[in-house]
Amino acid sequence: MKALSQVTSLSIFLCASSAAAADKAMDATEADVSKCTFVQDVNGRSVFGERLKEQGVIHAKEEARAVAAKAGATHVVWGKITQVDVTIVEGKAYRCVQ
């Protein structure tokens, strides 16, 4: 139980630390970005793999959103998600002007 509490605390810390940088990059569909400029492929990783699936995807996407925002992207279209021992998400980052 103590180990699960430590993992949960680490998850909250890691998500919170990358959330500030990621607040500009939003999830989108291909249709949403049809008139936007492609910026770059992005990916994110999380040590939370198969055992903590949901937390792994959340953290990996936050990491990828932070990379996208740093590159000037406003939106991310998600692609492949792999979960074994480590969660890996892949996406395409776009800059959309409103």
PDB file of N, CA and C in Angstrom:
ATOM      1  N   MET A   1       0.814  -1.184   0.000  1.00  0.00           N
ATOM      2  CA  MET A   1       0.000   0.000   0.000  1.00  0.00           C
ATOM      3  C   MET A   1       0.864   1.257   0.000  1.00  0.00           C
ATOM      4  N   LYS A   2       1.961   1.219   0.790  1.00  0.00           N
ATOM      5  CA  LYS A   2       2.855   2.370   0.844  1.00  0.00           C
ATOM      6  C   LYS A   2       3.472   2.636  -0.529  1.00  0.00           C
ATOM      7  N   ALA A   3       3.849   1.568  -1.248  1.00  0.00           N
ATOM      8  CA  ALA A   3       4.442   1.727  -2.581  1.00  0.00           C
ATOM      9  C   ALA A   3       3.441   2.362  -3.541  1.00  0.00           C
ATOM     10  N   LEU A   4       2.186   1.949  -3.466  1.00  0.00           N
ATOM     11  CA  LEU A   4       1.155   2.531  -4.335  1.00  0.00           C
ATOM     12  C   LEU A   4       0.974   4.011  -4.027  1.00  0.00           C
ATOM     13  N   SER A   5       1.019   4.374  -2.757  1.00  0.00           N
ATOM     14  CA  SER A   5       0.913   5.780  -2.365  1.00  0.00           C
ATOM     15  C   SER A   5       2.075   6.595  -2.921  1.00  0.00           C
ATOM     16  N   GLN A   6       3.282   6.033  -2.890  1.00  0.00           N
ATOM     17  CA  GLN A   6       4.443   6.728  -3.425  1.00  0.00           C
ATOM     18  C   GLN A   6       4.336   6.890  -4.936  1.00  0.00           C
ATOM     19  N   VAL A   7       3.852   5.863  -5.629  1.00  0.00           N
ATOM     20  CA  VAL A   7       3.674   5.928  -7.077  1.00  0.00           C
ATOM     21  C   VAL A   7       2.640   6.986  -7.424  1.00  0.00           C
ATOM     22  N   THR A   8       1.543   7.024  -6.669  1.00  0.00           N
ATOM     23  CA  THR A   8       0.504   8.018  -6.908  1.00  0.00           C
ATOM     24  C   THR A   8       1.050   9.428  -6.690  1.00  0.00           C
ATOM     25  N   SER A   9       1.822   9.630  -5.627  1.00  0.00           N
ATOM     26  CA  SER A   9       2.417  10.942  -5.363  1.00  0.00           C
ATOM     27  C   SER A   9       3.359  11.351  -6.484  1.00  0.00           C
ATOM     28  N   LEU A  10       4.172  10.415  -6.960  1.00  0.00           N
ATOM     29  CA  LEU A  10       5.091  10.704  -8.058  1.00  0.00           C
ATOM     30  C   LEU A  10       4.319  11.061  -9.315  1.00  0.00           C
ATOM     31  N   SER A  11       3.240  10.343  -9.581  1.00  0.00           N
ATOM     32  CA  SER A  11       2.415  10.613 -10.759  1.00  0.00           C
ATOM     33  C   SER A  11       1.833  12.019 -10.710  1.00  0.00           C
ATOM     34  N   ILE A  12       1.311  12.406  -9.559  1.00  0.00           N
ATOM     35  CA  ILE A  12       0.732  13.742  -9.413  1.00  0.00           C
ATOM     36  C   ILE A  12       1.800  14.803  -9.611  1.00  0.00           C
ATOM     37  N   PHE A  13       2.980  14.601  -9.022  1.00  0.00           N
ATOM     38  CA  PHE A  13       4.071  15.567  -9.166  1.00  0.00           C
ATOM     39  C   PHE A  13       4.503  15.695 -10.621  1.00  0.00           C
ATOM     40  N   LEU A  14       4.689  14.572 -11.303  1.00  0.00           N
ATOM     41  CA  LEU A  14       5.156  14.611 -12.683  1.00  0.00           C
ATOM     42  C   LEU A  14       4.130  15.257 -13.604  1.00  0.00           C
ATOM     43  N   CYS A  15       2.869  14.962 -13.400  1.00  0.00           N
ATOM     44  CA  CYS A  15       1.827  15.571 -14.240  1.00  0.00           C
ATOM     45  C   CYS A  15       1.739  17.065 -13.976  1.00  0.00           C
ATOM     46  N   ALA A  16       1.818  17.470 -12.731  1.00  0.00           N
ATOM     47  CA  ALA A  16       1.719  18.889 -12.391  1.00  0.00           C
ATOM     48  C   ALA A  16       2.911  19.662 -12.935  1.00  0.00           C
ATOM     49  N   SER A  17       4.093  19.060 -12.903  1.00  0.00           N
ATOM     50  CA  SER A  17       5.279  19.783 -13.351  1.00  0.00           C
ATOM     51  C   SER A  17       5.292  20.009 -14.851  1.00  0.00           C
ATOM     52  N   SER A  18       4.684  19.117 -15.617  1.00  0.00           N
ATOM     53  CA  SER A  18       4.671  19.316 -17.068  1.00  0.00           C
ATOM     54  C   SER A  18       3.396  20.007 -17.548  1.00  0.00           C
ATOM     55  N   ALA A  19       2.386  20.121 -16.703  1.00  0.00           N
ATOM     56  CA  ALA A  19       1.116  20.707 -17.119  1.00  0.00           C
ATOM     57  C   ALA A  19       1.245  22.179 -17.473  1.00  0.00           C
ATOM     58  N   ALA A  20       2.082  22.906 -16.764  1.00  0.00           N
ATOM     59  CA  ALA A  20       2.221  24.339 -17.034  1.00  0.00           C
ATOM     60  C   ALA A  20       2.742  24.585 -18.444  1.00  0.00           C
ATOM     61  N   ALA A  21       3.705  23.805 -18.881  1.00  0.00           N
ATOM     62  CA  ALA A  21       4.257  23.975 -20.226  1.00  0.00           C
ATOM     63  C   ALA A  21       3.304  23.462 -21.286  1.00  0.00           C
ATOM     64  N   ALA A  22       2.417  22.550 -20.910  1.00  0.00           N
ATOM     65  CA  ALA A  22       1.570  21.907 -21.901  1.00  0.00           C
ATOM     66  C   ALA A  22       0.218  22.582 -22.083  1.00  0.00           C
ATOM     67  N   ASP A  23      -0.072  23.655 -21.348  1.00  0.00           N
ATOM     68  CA  ASP A  23      -1.421  24.200 -21.400  1.00  0.00           C
ATOM     69  C   ASP A  23      -1.798  24.810 -22.746  1.00  0.00           C
ATOM     70  N   LYS A  24      -0.850  25.069 -23.634  1.00  0.00           N
ATOM     71  CA  LYS A  24      -1.174  25.646 -24.934  1.00  0.00           C
ATOM     72  C   LYS A  24      -1.448  24.596 -26.005  1.00  0.00           C
ATOM     73  N   ALA A  25      -0.968  23.386 -25.828  1.00  0.00           N
ATOM     74  CA  ALA A  25      -1.174  22.333 -26.815  1.00  0.00           C
ATOM     75  C   ALA A  25      -2.394  21.507 -26.413  1.00  0.00           C
ATOM     76  N   MET A  26      -3.419  21.536 -27.256  1.00  0.00           N
ATOM     77  CA  MET A  26      -4.670  20.851 -26.957  1.00  0.00           C
ATOM     78  C   MET A  26      -4.814  19.606 -27.825  1.00  0.00           C
ATOM     79  N   ASP A  27      -5.593  18.652 -27.351  1.00  0.00           N
ATOM     80  CA  ASP A  27      -5.906  17.467 -28.135  1.00  0.00           C
ATOM     81  C   ASP A  27      -6.795  17.868 -29.309  1.00  0.00           C
ATOM     82  N   ALA A  28      -6.609  17.197 -30.448  1.00  0.00           N
ATOM     83  CA  ALA A  28      -7.396  17.516 -31.638  1.00  0.00           C
ATOM     84  C   ALA A  28      -7.559  16.275 -32.502  1.00  0.00           C
ATOM     85  N   THR A  29      -8.467  16.380 -33.467  1.00  0.00           N
ATOM     86  CA  THR A  29      -8.635  15.330 -34.466  1.00  0.00           C
ATOM     87  C   THR A  29      -8.007  15.822 -35.773  1.00  0.00           C
ATOM     88  N   GLU A  30      -7.868  14.933 -36.728  1.00  0.00           N
ATOM     89  CA  GLU A  30      -7.338  15.321 -38.044  1.00  0.00           C
ATOM     90  C   GLU A  30      -8.208  16.416 -38.668  1.00  0.00           C
ATOM     91  N   ALA A  31      -9.517  16.316 -38.501  1.00  0.00           N
ATOM     92  CA  ALA A  31     -10.420  17.327 -39.056  1.00  0.00           C
ATOM     93  C   ALA A  31     -10.197  18.693 -38.407  1.00  0.00           C
ATOM     94  N   ASP A  32      -9.912  18.688 -37.104  1.00  0.00           N
ATOM     95  CA  ASP A  32      -9.680  19.949 -36.388  1.00  0.00           C
ATOM     96  C   ASP A  32      -8.465  20.707 -36.925  1.00  0.00           C
ATOM     97  N   VAL A  33      -7.464  19.981 -37.410  1.00  0.00           N
ATOM     98  CA  VAL A  33      -6.206  20.610 -37.832  1.00  0.00           C
ATOM     99  C   VAL A  33      -6.040  20.662 -39.349  1.00  0.00           C
ATOM    100  N   SER A  34      -7.116  20.460 -40.071  1.00  0.00           N
ATOM    101  CA  SER A  34      -7.029  20.396 -41.533  1.00  0.00           C
ATOM    102  C   SER A  34      -6.498  21.685 -42.160  1.00  0.00           C
ATOM    103  N   LYS A  35      -6.679  22.815 -41.493  1.00  0.00           N
ATOM    104  CA  LYS A  35      -6.202  24.090 -42.036  1.00  0.00           C
ATOM    105  C   LYS A  35      -5.032  24.654 -41.216  1.00  0.00           C
ATOM    106  N   CYS A  36      -4.394  23.801 -40.445  1.00  0.00           N
ATOM    107  CA  CYS A  36      -3.297  24.220 -39.580  1.00  0.00           C
ATOM    108  C   CYS A  36      -1.955  23.825 -40.189  1.00  0.00           C
ATOM    109  N   THR A  37      -0.893  24.340 -39.604  1.00  0.00           N
ATOM    110  CA  THR A  37       0.460  24.049 -40.083  1.00  0.00           C
ATOM    111  C   THR A  37       1.081  22.951 -39.238  1.00  0.00           C
ATOM    112  N   PHE A  38       1.582  21.909 -39.895  1.00  0.00           N
ATOM    113  CA  PHE A  38       2.275  20.839 -39.185  1.00  0.00           C
ATOM    114  C   PHE A  38       3.576  21.392 -38.616  1.00  0.00           C
ATOM    115  N   VAL A  39       3.846  21.092 -37.344  1.00  0.00           N
ATOM    116  CA  VAL A  39       5.063  21.559 -36.691  1.00  0.00           C
ATOM    117  C   VAL A  39       6.086  20.431 -36.602  1.00  0.00           C
ATOM    118  N   GLN A  40       5.710  19.321 -35.966  1.00  0.00           N
ATOM    119  CA  GLN A  40       6.631  18.193 -35.833  1.00  0.00           C
ATOM    120  C   GLN A  40       5.919  16.994 -35.221  1.00  0.00           C
ATOM    121  N   ASP A  41       6.536  15.831 -35.363  1.00  0.00           N
ATOM    122  CA  ASP A  41       6.078  14.642 -34.652  1.00  0.00           C
ATOM    123  C   ASP A  41       6.520  14.785 -33.203  1.00  0.00           C
ATOM    124  N   VAL A  42       5.679  14.350 -32.278  1.00  0.00           N
ATOM    125  CA  VAL A  42       6.025  14.383 -30.862  1.00  0.00           C
ATOM    126  C   VAL A  42       5.754  13.024 -30.248  1.00  0.00           C
ATOM    127  N   ASN A  43       6.430  12.749 -29.152  1.00  0.00           N
ATOM    128  CA  ASN A  43       6.130  11.546 -28.391  1.00  0.00           C
ATOM    129  C   ASN A  43       6.400  11.811 -26.925  1.00  0.00           C
ATOM    130  N   GLY A  44       5.802  11.001 -26.107  1.00  0.00           N
ATOM    131  CA  GLY A  44       5.982  11.095 -24.667  1.00  0.00           C
ATOM    132  C   GLY A  44       6.131   9.707 -24.098  1.00  0.00           C
ATOM    133  N   ARG A  45       6.824   9.629 -22.980  1.00  0.00           N
ATOM    134  CA  ARG A  45       7.062   8.348 -22.321  1.00  0.00           C
ATOM    135  C   ARG A  45       6.679   8.458 -20.855  1.00  0.00           C
ATOM    136  N   SER A  46       6.290   7.343 -20.295  1.00  0.00           N
ATOM    137  CA  SER A  46       5.994   7.278 -18.872  1.00  0.00           C
ATOM    138  C   SER A  46       6.450   5.933 -18.341  1.00  0.00           C
ATOM    139  N   VAL A  47       7.001   5.939 -17.132  1.00  0.00           N
ATOM    140  CA  VAL A  47       7.421   4.686 -16.510  1.00  0.00           C
ATOM    141  C   VAL A  47       6.218   3.862 -16.077  1.00  0.00           C
ATOM    142  N   PHE A  48       5.048   4.461 -16.073  1.00  0.00           N
ATOM    143  CA  PHE A  48       3.832   3.731 -15.734  1.00  0.00           C
ATOM    144  C   PHE A  48       3.367   2.980 -16.973  1.00  0.00           C
ATOM    145  N   GLY A  49       3.668   1.713 -17.021  1.00  0.00           N
ATOM    146  CA  GLY A  49       3.346   0.906 -18.188  1.00  0.00           C
ATOM    147  C   GLY A  49       2.067   0.121 -18.010  1.00  0.00           C
ATOM    148  N   GLU A  50       2.130  -1.144 -18.246  1.00  0.00           N
ATOM    149  CA  GLU A  50       0.980  -2.034 -18.256  1.00  0.00           C
ATOM    150  C   GLU A  50       0.197  -2.020 -16.940  1.00  0.00           C
ATOM    151  N   ARG A  51       0.896  -1.908 -15.802  1.00  0.00           N
ATOM    152  CA  ARG A  51       0.217  -2.020 -14.511  1.00  0.00           C
ATOM    153  C   ARG A  51      -0.627  -0.791 -14.175  1.00  0.00           C
ATOM    154  N   LEU A  52      -0.211   0.377 -14.601  1.00  0.00           N
ATOM    155  CA  LEU A  52      -0.951   1.614 -14.311  1.00  0.00           C
ATOM    156  C   LEU A  52      -1.279   2.312 -15.622  1.00  0.00           C
ATOM    157  N   LYS A  53      -2.101   1.661 -16.419  1.00  0.00           N
ATOM    158  CA  LYS A  53      -2.370   2.107 -17.793  1.00  0.00           C
ATOM    159  C   LYS A  53      -2.828   3.556 -17.890  1.00  0.00           C
ATOM    160  N   GLU A  54      -3.863   3.915 -17.176  1.00  0.00           N
ATOM    161  CA  GLU A  54      -4.435   5.251 -17.307  1.00  0.00           C
ATOM    162  C   GLU A  54      -3.428   6.338 -16.913  1.00  0.00           C
ATOM    163  N   GLN A  55      -2.748   6.134 -15.782  1.00  0.00           N
ATOM    164  CA  GLN A  55      -1.761   7.113 -15.350  1.00  0.00           C
ATOM    165  C   GLN A  55      -0.609   7.212 -16.344  1.00  0.00           C
ATOM    166  N   GLY A  56      -0.227   6.101 -16.947  1.00  0.00           N
ATOM    167  CA  GLY A  56       0.837   6.099 -17.940  1.00  0.00           C
ATOM    168  C   GLY A  56       0.493   6.925 -19.159  1.00  0.00           C
ATOM    169  N   VAL A  57      -0.715   6.764 -19.655  1.00  0.00           N
ATOM    170  CA  VAL A  57      -1.153   7.522 -20.828  1.00  0.00           C
ATOM    171  C   VAL A  57      -1.255   9.009 -20.492  1.00  0.00           C
ATOM    172  N   ILE A  58      -1.798   9.331 -19.329  1.00  0.00           N
ATOM    173  CA  ILE A  58      -1.929  10.738 -18.920  1.00  0.00           C
ATOM    174  C   ILE A  58      -0.561  11.394 -18.870  1.00  0.00           C
ATOM    175  N   HIS A  59       0.376  10.772 -18.199  1.00  0.00           N
ATOM    176  CA  HIS A  59       1.705  11.375 -18.059  1.00  0.00           C
ATOM    177  C   HIS A  59       2.423  11.465 -19.399  1.00  0.00           C
ATOM    178  N   ALA A  60       2.364  10.409 -20.204  1.00  0.00           N
ATOM    179  CA  ALA A  60       3.051  10.416 -21.497  1.00  0.00           C
ATOM    180  C   ALA A  60       2.480  11.505 -22.417  1.00  0.00           C
ATOM    181  N   LYS A  61       1.164  11.684 -22.413  1.00  0.00           N
ATOM    182  CA  LYS A  61       0.553  12.729 -23.238  1.00  0.00           C
ATOM    183  C   LYS A  61       0.950  14.118 -22.745  1.00  0.00           C
ATOM    184  N   GLU A  62       1.016  14.314 -21.430  1.00  0.00           N
ATOM    185  CA  GLU A  62       1.442  15.608 -20.897  1.00  0.00           C
ATOM    186  C   GLU A  62       2.861  15.926 -21.347  1.00  0.00           C
ATOM    187  N   GLU A  63       3.725  14.919 -21.331  1.00  0.00           N
ATOM    188  CA  GLU A  63       5.100  15.125 -21.782  1.00  0.00           C
ATOM    189  C   GLU A  63       5.139  15.510 -23.259  1.00  0.00           C
ATOM    190  N   ALA A  64       4.355  14.818 -24.072  1.00  0.00           N
ATOM    191  CA  ALA A  64       4.312  15.120 -25.507  1.00  0.00           C
ATOM    192  C   ALA A  64       3.701  16.501 -25.758  1.00  0.00           C
ATOM    193  N   ARG A  65       2.662  16.865 -24.991  1.00  0.00           N
ATOM    194  CA  ARG A  65       2.072  18.201 -25.138  1.00  0.00           C
ATOM    195  C   ARG A  65       3.088  19.288 -24.803  1.00  0.00           C
ATOM    196  N   ALA A  66       3.914  19.050 -23.795  1.00  0.00           N
ATOM    197  CA  ALA A  66       4.945  20.020 -23.410  1.00  0.00           C
ATOM    198  C   ALA A  66       5.961  20.205 -24.532  1.00  0.00           C
ATOM    199  N   VAL A  67       6.354  19.107 -25.176  1.00  0.00           N
ATOM    200  CA  VAL A  67       7.278  19.188 -26.316  1.00  0.00           C
ATOM    201  C   VAL A  67       6.629  19.975 -27.449  1.00  0.00           C
ATOM    202  N   ALA A  68       5.355  19.691 -27.706  1.00  0.00           N
ATOM    203  CA  ALA A  68       4.635  20.384 -28.777  1.00  0.00           C
ATOM    204  C   ALA A  68       4.544  21.884 -28.491  1.00  0.00           C
ATOM    205  N   ALA A  69       4.183  22.241 -27.265  1.00  0.00           N
ATOM    206  CA  ALA A  69       4.051  23.662 -26.905  1.00  0.00           C
ATOM    207  C   ALA A  69       5.392  24.375 -27.013  1.00  0.00           C
ATOM    208  N   LYS A  70       6.444  23.717 -26.598  1.00  0.00           N
ATOM    209  CA  LYS A  70       7.782  24.317 -26.680  1.00  0.00           C
ATOM    210  C   LYS A  70       8.169  24.588 -28.132  1.00  0.00           C
ATOM    211  N   ALA A  71       7.690  23.744 -29.049  1.00  0.00           N
ATOM    212  CA  ALA A  71       7.979  23.919 -30.482  1.00  0.00           C
ATOM    213  C   ALA A  71       7.039  24.926 -31.138  1.00  0.00           C
ATOM    214  N   GLY A  72       6.090  25.461 -30.385  1.00  0.00           N
ATOM    215  CA  GLY A  72       5.168  26.452 -30.929  1.00  0.00           C
ATOM    216  C   GLY A  72       3.853  25.883 -31.421  1.00  0.00           C
ATOM    217  N   ALA A  73       3.583  24.633 -31.138  1.00  0.00           N
ATOM    218  CA  ALA A  73       2.329  24.013 -31.581  1.00  0.00           C
ATOM    219  C   ALA A  73       1.190  24.363 -30.626  1.00  0.00           C
ATOM    220  N   THR A  74      -0.014  24.353 -31.165  1.00  0.00           N
ATOM    221  CA  THR A  74      -1.204  24.620 -30.355  1.00  0.00           C
ATOM    222  C   THR A  74      -2.085  23.385 -30.194  1.00  0.00           C
ATOM    223  N   HIS A  75      -1.900  22.395 -31.073  1.00  0.00           N
ATOM    224  CA  HIS A  75      -2.743  21.200 -31.066  1.00  0.00           C
ATOM    225  C   HIS A  75      -1.905  19.944 -31.310  1.00  0.00           C
ATOM    226  N   VAL A  76      -2.393  18.809 -30.770  1.00  0.00           N
ATOM    227  CA  VAL A  76      -1.750  17.516 -30.999  1.00  0.00           C
ATOM    228  C   VAL A  76      -2.813  16.511 -31.421  1.00  0.00           C
ATOM    229  N   VAL A  77      -2.530  15.800 -32.502  1.00  0.00           N
ATOM    230  CA  VAL A  77      -3.375  14.691 -32.944  1.00  0.00           C
ATOM    231  C   VAL A  77      -2.658  13.417 -32.526  1.00  0.00           C
ATOM    232  N   TRP A  78      -3.318  12.611 -31.694  1.00  0.00           N
ATOM    233  CA  TRP A  78      -2.681  11.414 -31.151  1.00  0.00           C
ATOM    234  C   TRP A  78      -2.707  10.272 -32.136  1.00  0.00           C
ATOM    235  N   GLY A  79      -1.640   9.510 -32.110  1.00  0.00           N
ATOM    236  CA  GLY A  79      -1.510   8.317 -32.935  1.00  0.00           C
ATOM    237  C   GLY A  79      -1.381   7.097 -32.046  1.00  0.00           C
ATOM    238  N   LYS A  80      -0.319   6.387 -32.241  1.00  0.00           N
ATOM    239  CA  LYS A  80      -0.075   5.108 -31.579  1.00  0.00           C
ATOM    240  C   LYS A  80       0.232   5.268 -30.092  1.00  0.00           C
ATOM    241  N   ILE A  81      -0.357   4.369 -29.282  1.00  0.00           N
ATOM    242  CA  ILE A  81      -0.053   4.262 -27.859  1.00  0.00           C
ATOM    243  C   ILE A  81       0.430   2.845 -27.611  1.00  0.00           C
ATOM    244  N   THR A  82       1.617   2.726 -27.016  1.00  0.00           N
ATOM    245  CA  THR A  82       2.194   1.422 -26.710  1.00  0.00           C
ATOM    246  C   THR A  82       2.367   1.311 -25.206  1.00  0.00           C
ATOM    247  N   GLN A  83       1.895   0.198 -24.628  1.00  0.00           N
ATOM    248  CA  GLN A  83       2.063  -0.019 -23.199  1.00  0.00           C
ATOM    249  C   GLN A  83       2.578  -1.417 -22.947  1.00  0.00           C
ATOM    250  N   VAL A  84       3.809  -1.497 -22.504  1.00  0.00           N
ATOM    251  CA  VAL A  84       4.375  -2.764 -22.047  1.00  0.00           C
ATOM    252  C   VAL A  84       4.928  -2.465 -20.652  1.00  0.00           C
ATOM    253  N   ASP A  85       6.230  -2.343 -20.517  1.00  0.00           N
ATOM    254  CA  ASP A  85       6.811  -1.919 -19.244  1.00  0.00           C
ATOM    255  C   ASP A  85       6.797  -0.398 -19.124  1.00  0.00           C
ATOM    256  N   VAL A  86       6.772   0.284 -20.252  1.00  0.00           N
ATOM    257  CA  VAL A  86       6.766   1.746 -20.329  1.00  0.00           C
ATOM    258  C   VAL A  86       5.648   2.140 -21.282  1.00  0.00           C
ATOM    259  N   THR A  87       4.965   3.243 -20.989  1.00  0.00           N
ATOM    260  CA  THR A  87       3.939   3.759 -21.892  1.00  0.00           C
ATOM    261  C   THR A  87       4.580   4.754 -22.842  1.00  0.00           C
ATOM    262  N   ILE A  88       4.312   4.599 -24.125  1.00  0.00           N
ATOM    263  CA  ILE A  88       4.814   5.519 -25.138  1.00  0.00           C
ATOM    264  C   ILE A  88       3.630   5.968 -25.987  1.00  0.00           C
ATOM    265  N   VAL A  89       3.478   7.290 -26.142  1.00  0.00           N
ATOM    266  CA  VAL A  89       2.447   7.839 -27.016  1.00  0.00           C
ATOM    267  C   VAL A  89       3.121   8.595 -28.148  1.00  0.00           C
ATOM    268  N   GLU A  90       2.501   8.563 -29.313  1.00  0.00           N
ATOM    269  CA  GLU A  90       3.008   9.285 -30.472  1.00  0.00           C
ATOM    270  C   GLU A  90       1.910  10.209 -30.984  1.00  0.00           C
ATOM    271  N   GLY A  91       2.323  11.361 -31.486  1.00  0.00           N
ATOM    272  CA  GLY A  91       1.357  12.303 -32.021  1.00  0.00           C
ATOM    273  C   GLY A  91       1.986  13.245 -33.022  1.00  0.00           C
ATOM    274  N   LYS A  92       1.148  14.018 -33.649  1.00  0.00           N
ATOM    275  CA  LYS A  92       1.593  15.027 -34.603  1.00  0.00           C
ATOM    276  C   LYS A  92       1.153  16.389 -34.064  1.00  0.00           C
ATOM    277  N   ALA A  93       2.109  17.315 -33.991  1.00  0.00           N
ATOM    278  CA  ALA A  93       1.840  18.636 -33.439  1.00  0.00           C
ATOM    279  C   ALA A  93       1.593  19.635 -34.565  1.00  0.00           C
ATOM    280  N   TYR A  94       0.580  20.493 -34.364  1.00  0.00           N
ATOM    281  CA  TYR A  94       0.200  21.493 -35.365  1.00  0.00           C
ATOM    282  C   TYR A  94       0.073  22.868 -34.712  1.00  0.00           C
ATOM    283  N   ARG A  95       0.281  23.902 -35.503  1.00  0.00           N
ATOM    284  CA  ARG A  95       0.046  25.287 -35.073  1.00  0.00           C
ATOM    285  C   ARG A  95      -1.196  25.763 -35.793  1.00  0.00           C
ATOM    286  N   CYS A  96      -2.208  26.106 -35.046  1.00  0.00           N
ATOM    287  CA  CYS A  96      -3.459  26.582 -35.613  1.00  0.00           C
ATOM    288  C   CYS A  96      -3.672  28.029 -35.206  1.00  0.00           C
ATOM    289  N   VAL A  97      -3.975  28.883 -36.193  1.00  0.00           N
ATOM    290  CA  VAL A  97      -4.237  30.289 -35.924  1.00  0.00           C
ATOM    291  C   VAL A  97      -5.740  30.475 -35.939  1.00  0.00           C
ATOM    292  N   GLN A  98      -6.274  31.019 -34.874  1.00  0.00           N
ATOM    293  CA  GLN A  98      -7.730  31.179 -34.750  1.00  0.00           C
ATOM    294  C   GLN A  98      -8.222  32.381 -35.517  1.00  0.00           C
TER     295      GLN A  98
END
